[in-house]
Amino acid sequence: MEKLSDCHNIGKKLEQRLFRVGIENPQKLEEIGSNDAFKMLLDLEGDTCFNTICALEGAVRGMRWHELDEKTKIDLRIFYDENKKL
């Protein structure tokens, strides 16, 4: 895949958001990982939602985020809750 929008869960809007934090292709997203990419978006936007981190994790794994196993979703929720801005 050459474009972020070719990845599962990443549409044009999320692709543009990722561009703004310097993530410009699927390889860079995989290198950075979903947690750090989420934190970068959160620092920029301040209000990034839980679905975003799920979408990013699914994209890194090459799957729809709805198919993530429950343990992964729980781990993502804990990470989200620990890092979201109040």
N, C-alpha and C. Protein backbone atom coordinates (compact mmCIF):
# COMPACT_ATOMS: atom_id res chain seq x y z
N MET A 1 0.83 -1.18 0.00
CA MET A 1 0.00 0.00 0.00
C MET A 1 0.88 1.24 0.00
N GLU A 2 0.46 2.19 -0.76
CA GLU A 2 1.24 3.42 -0.87
C GLU A 2 0.63 4.56 -0.09
N LYS A 3 -0.70 4.60 -0.02
CA LYS A 3 -1.38 5.71 0.65
C LYS A 3 -2.01 5.23 1.95
N LEU A 4 -2.07 6.11 2.91
CA LEU A 4 -2.73 5.78 4.17
C LEU A 4 -4.19 5.40 3.94
N SER A 5 -4.84 6.10 3.02
CA SER A 5 -6.26 5.82 2.78
C SER A 5 -6.49 4.47 2.12
N ASP A 6 -5.42 3.78 1.72
CA ASP A 6 -5.54 2.40 1.23
C ASP A 6 -5.65 1.41 2.39
N CYS A 7 -5.29 1.84 3.59
CA CYS A 7 -5.33 0.98 4.77
C CYS A 7 -6.76 0.83 5.28
N HIS A 8 -7.00 -0.28 5.96
CA HIS A 8 -8.28 -0.45 6.65
C HIS A 8 -8.48 0.70 7.62
N ASN A 9 -9.69 1.18 7.74
CA ASN A 9 -10.12 2.16 8.74
C ASN A 9 -9.65 3.59 8.50
N ILE A 10 -8.86 3.84 7.47
CA ILE A 10 -8.34 5.19 7.27
C ILE A 10 -8.96 5.79 6.01
N GLY A 11 -9.87 6.73 6.25
CA GLY A 11 -10.48 7.47 5.16
C GLY A 11 -9.70 8.74 4.91
N LYS A 12 -10.22 9.54 4.03
CA LYS A 12 -9.53 10.77 3.63
C LYS A 12 -9.32 11.73 4.81
N LYS A 13 -10.32 11.84 5.69
CA LYS A 13 -10.19 12.78 6.82
C LYS A 13 -9.11 12.34 7.80
N LEU A 14 -9.10 11.06 8.16
CA LEU A 14 -8.06 10.58 9.07
C LEU A 14 -6.70 10.65 8.39
N GLU A 15 -6.66 10.38 7.11
CA GLU A 15 -5.40 10.50 6.37
C GLU A 15 -4.86 11.93 6.47
N GLN A 16 -5.72 12.92 6.29
CA GLN A 16 -5.30 14.32 6.39
C GLN A 16 -4.82 14.66 7.80
N ARG A 17 -5.51 14.14 8.80
CA ARG A 17 -5.11 14.38 10.18
C ARG A 17 -3.72 13.80 10.44
N LEU A 18 -3.48 12.59 9.93
CA LEU A 18 -2.18 11.95 10.10
C LEU A 18 -1.09 12.71 9.37
N PHE A 19 -1.40 13.23 8.19
CA PHE A 19 -0.42 14.07 7.47
C PHE A 19 0.03 15.23 8.33
N ARG A 20 -0.90 15.84 9.06
CA ARG A 20 -0.57 17.02 9.87
C ARG A 20 0.41 16.71 11.00
N VAL A 21 0.50 15.44 11.40
CA VAL A 21 1.46 15.08 12.45
C VAL A 21 2.68 14.36 11.88
N GLY A 22 2.82 14.39 10.55
CA GLY A 22 4.01 13.85 9.91
C GLY A 22 3.96 12.38 9.54
N ILE A 23 2.79 11.78 9.64
CA ILE A 23 2.63 10.38 9.24
C ILE A 23 2.02 10.39 7.84
N GLU A 24 2.83 10.07 6.85
CA GLU A 24 2.42 10.27 5.47
C GLU A 24 2.23 9.00 4.66
N ASN A 25 2.53 7.84 5.26
CA ASN A 25 2.34 6.58 4.52
C ASN A 25 2.15 5.43 5.51
N PRO A 26 1.67 4.30 5.02
CA PRO A 26 1.42 3.16 5.91
C PRO A 26 2.67 2.66 6.64
N GLN A 27 3.81 2.73 5.99
CA GLN A 27 5.05 2.27 6.62
C GLN A 27 5.39 3.13 7.83
N LYS A 28 5.20 4.43 7.72
CA LYS A 28 5.48 5.34 8.84
C LYS A 28 4.51 5.05 9.99
N LEU A 29 3.24 4.82 9.67
CA LEU A 29 2.26 4.49 10.72
C LEU A 29 2.65 3.20 11.43
N GLU A 30 3.05 2.20 10.68
CA GLU A 30 3.46 0.93 11.28
C GLU A 30 4.70 1.12 12.16
N GLU A 31 5.63 1.93 11.68
CA GLU A 31 6.86 2.20 12.43
C GLU A 31 6.55 2.91 13.75
N ILE A 32 5.67 3.90 13.71
CA ILE A 32 5.33 4.68 14.89
C ILE A 32 4.42 3.90 15.83
N GLY A 33 3.48 3.16 15.26
CA GLY A 33 2.53 2.38 16.05
C GLY A 33 1.30 3.19 16.40
N SER A 34 0.24 2.49 16.71
CA SER A 34 -1.05 3.14 16.94
C SER A 34 -1.04 4.03 18.19
N ASN A 35 -0.41 3.59 19.25
CA ASN A 35 -0.42 4.39 20.49
C ASN A 35 0.27 5.73 20.30
N ASP A 36 1.46 5.71 19.73
CA ASP A 36 2.19 6.96 19.55
C ASP A 36 1.51 7.85 18.50
N ALA A 37 0.97 7.25 17.45
CA ALA A 37 0.24 8.04 16.45
C ALA A 37 -0.97 8.71 17.10
N PHE A 38 -1.67 7.97 17.95
CA PHE A 38 -2.81 8.54 18.66
C PHE A 38 -2.38 9.72 19.54
N LYS A 39 -1.28 9.54 20.27
CA LYS A 39 -0.79 10.62 21.14
C LYS A 39 -0.40 11.85 20.33
N MET A 40 0.17 11.64 19.16
CA MET A 40 0.53 12.76 18.29
C MET A 40 -0.73 13.52 17.85
N LEU A 41 -1.77 12.77 17.47
CA LEU A 41 -3.04 13.41 17.09
C LEU A 41 -3.67 14.12 18.28
N LEU A 42 -3.63 13.49 19.43
CA LEU A 42 -4.20 14.09 20.63
C LEU A 42 -3.50 15.39 20.99
N ASP A 43 -2.17 15.40 20.90
CA ASP A 43 -1.42 16.62 21.18
C ASP A 43 -1.79 17.73 20.21
N LEU A 44 -2.03 17.38 18.96
CA LEU A 44 -2.38 18.38 17.95
C LEU A 44 -3.82 18.86 18.11
N GLU A 45 -4.74 17.92 18.30
CA GLU A 45 -6.16 18.24 18.24
C GLU A 45 -6.81 18.44 19.62
N GLY A 46 -6.32 17.73 20.60
CA GLY A 46 -6.86 17.86 21.95
C GLY A 46 -8.12 17.08 22.24
N ASP A 47 -8.79 16.57 21.22
CA ASP A 47 -10.06 15.89 21.47
C ASP A 47 -10.24 14.62 20.63
N THR A 48 -9.16 13.94 20.34
CA THR A 48 -9.22 12.73 19.54
C THR A 48 -9.98 11.64 20.30
N CYS A 49 -10.89 10.97 19.62
CA CYS A 49 -11.78 10.02 20.28
C CYS A 49 -11.21 8.60 20.33
N PHE A 50 -11.88 7.77 21.12
CA PHE A 50 -11.48 6.37 21.29
C PHE A 50 -11.50 5.61 19.97
N ASN A 51 -12.47 5.89 19.12
CA ASN A 51 -12.55 5.17 17.84
C ASN A 51 -11.31 5.40 17.00
N THR A 52 -10.67 6.54 17.16
CA THR A 52 -9.46 6.82 16.39
C THR A 52 -8.34 5.85 16.73
N ILE A 53 -8.12 5.60 18.00
CA ILE A 53 -7.04 4.68 18.37
C ILE A 53 -7.38 3.25 17.90
N CYS A 54 -8.65 2.89 17.94
CA CYS A 54 -9.06 1.57 17.43
C CYS A 54 -8.81 1.49 15.93
N ALA A 55 -9.16 2.55 15.21
CA ALA A 55 -8.94 2.59 13.77
C ALA A 55 -7.45 2.47 13.44
N LEU A 56 -6.63 3.18 14.19
CA LEU A 56 -5.19 3.13 13.95
C LEU A 56 -4.62 1.74 14.23
N GLU A 57 -5.05 1.12 15.32
CA GLU A 57 -4.58 -0.23 15.64
C GLU A 57 -5.00 -1.22 14.57
N GLY A 58 -6.24 -1.11 14.12
CA GLY A 58 -6.69 -1.98 13.04
C GLY A 58 -5.89 -1.77 11.77
N ALA A 59 -5.58 -0.52 11.45
CA ALA A 59 -4.79 -0.22 10.25
C ALA A 59 -3.40 -0.84 10.35
N VAL A 60 -2.78 -0.72 11.51
CA VAL A 60 -1.46 -1.31 11.71
C VAL A 60 -1.51 -2.83 11.54
N ARG A 61 -2.59 -3.43 12.00
CA ARG A 61 -2.74 -4.89 11.92
C ARG A 61 -3.31 -5.36 10.58
N GLY A 62 -3.76 -4.42 9.76
CA GLY A 62 -4.32 -4.79 8.46
C GLY A 62 -5.71 -5.38 8.54
N MET A 63 -6.52 -4.85 9.47
CA MET A 63 -7.87 -5.37 9.66
C MET A 63 -8.84 -4.27 10.06
N ARG A 64 -10.13 -4.51 9.87
CA ARG A 64 -11.14 -3.58 10.34
C ARG A 64 -11.07 -3.53 11.86
N TRP A 65 -11.24 -2.35 12.44
CA TRP A 65 -11.10 -2.23 13.89
C TRP A 65 -12.18 -3.00 14.63
N HIS A 66 -13.31 -3.23 14.00
CA HIS A 66 -14.39 -4.00 14.63
C HIS A 66 -13.97 -5.44 14.90
N GLU A 67 -12.96 -5.91 14.16
CA GLU A 67 -12.50 -7.30 14.30
C GLU A 67 -11.40 -7.47 15.35
N LEU A 68 -10.98 -6.39 15.98
CA LEU A 68 -9.98 -6.50 17.04
C LEU A 68 -10.54 -7.35 18.18
N ASP A 69 -9.69 -8.18 18.77
CA ASP A 69 -10.16 -9.03 19.87
C ASP A 69 -10.44 -8.17 21.11
N GLU A 70 -11.22 -8.74 22.01
CA GLU A 70 -11.67 -7.99 23.19
C GLU A 70 -10.52 -7.53 24.08
N LYS A 71 -9.50 -8.37 24.24
CA LYS A 71 -8.36 -7.96 25.07
C LYS A 71 -7.68 -6.73 24.49
N THR A 72 -7.51 -6.70 23.18
CA THR A 72 -6.90 -5.54 22.53
C THR A 72 -7.76 -4.31 22.74
N LYS A 73 -9.07 -4.45 22.59
CA LYS A 73 -9.97 -3.31 22.79
C LYS A 73 -9.91 -2.80 24.23
N ILE A 74 -9.81 -3.71 25.18
CA ILE A 74 -9.69 -3.31 26.58
C ILE A 74 -8.37 -2.57 26.81
N ASP A 75 -7.28 -3.12 26.26
CA ASP A 75 -5.97 -2.46 26.39
C ASP A 75 -5.99 -1.07 25.76
N LEU A 76 -6.63 -0.95 24.60
CA LEU A 76 -6.74 0.35 23.95
C LEU A 76 -7.56 1.32 24.79
N ARG A 77 -8.63 0.83 25.41
CA ARG A 77 -9.47 1.68 26.26
C ARG A 77 -8.67 2.19 27.45
N ILE A 78 -7.89 1.32 28.06
CA ILE A 78 -7.06 1.73 29.20
C ILE A 78 -6.06 2.80 28.75
N PHE A 79 -5.39 2.56 27.63
CA PHE A 79 -4.44 3.54 27.10
C PHE A 79 -5.14 4.87 26.81
N TYR A 80 -6.30 4.80 26.18
CA TYR A 80 -7.06 6.00 25.87
C TYR A 80 -7.41 6.77 27.15
N ASP A 81 -7.96 6.06 28.13
CA ASP A 81 -8.36 6.71 29.38
C ASP A 81 -7.18 7.36 30.10
N GLU A 82 -6.01 6.73 30.01
CA GLU A 82 -4.83 7.27 30.67
C GLU A 82 -4.25 8.49 29.95
N ASN A 83 -4.56 8.63 28.67
CA ASN A 83 -3.93 9.68 27.87
C ASN A 83 -4.85 10.78 27.38
N LYS A 84 -6.17 10.60 27.48
CA LYS A 84 -7.07 11.62 26.96
C LYS A 84 -6.94 12.90 27.78
N LYS A 85 -7.24 13.98 27.13
CA LYS A 85 -7.16 15.27 27.80
C LYS A 85 -8.50 15.54 28.47
N LEU A 86 -8.44 16.10 29.63
CA LEU A 86 -9.67 16.40 30.38
C LEU A 86 -10.19 17.77 30.05
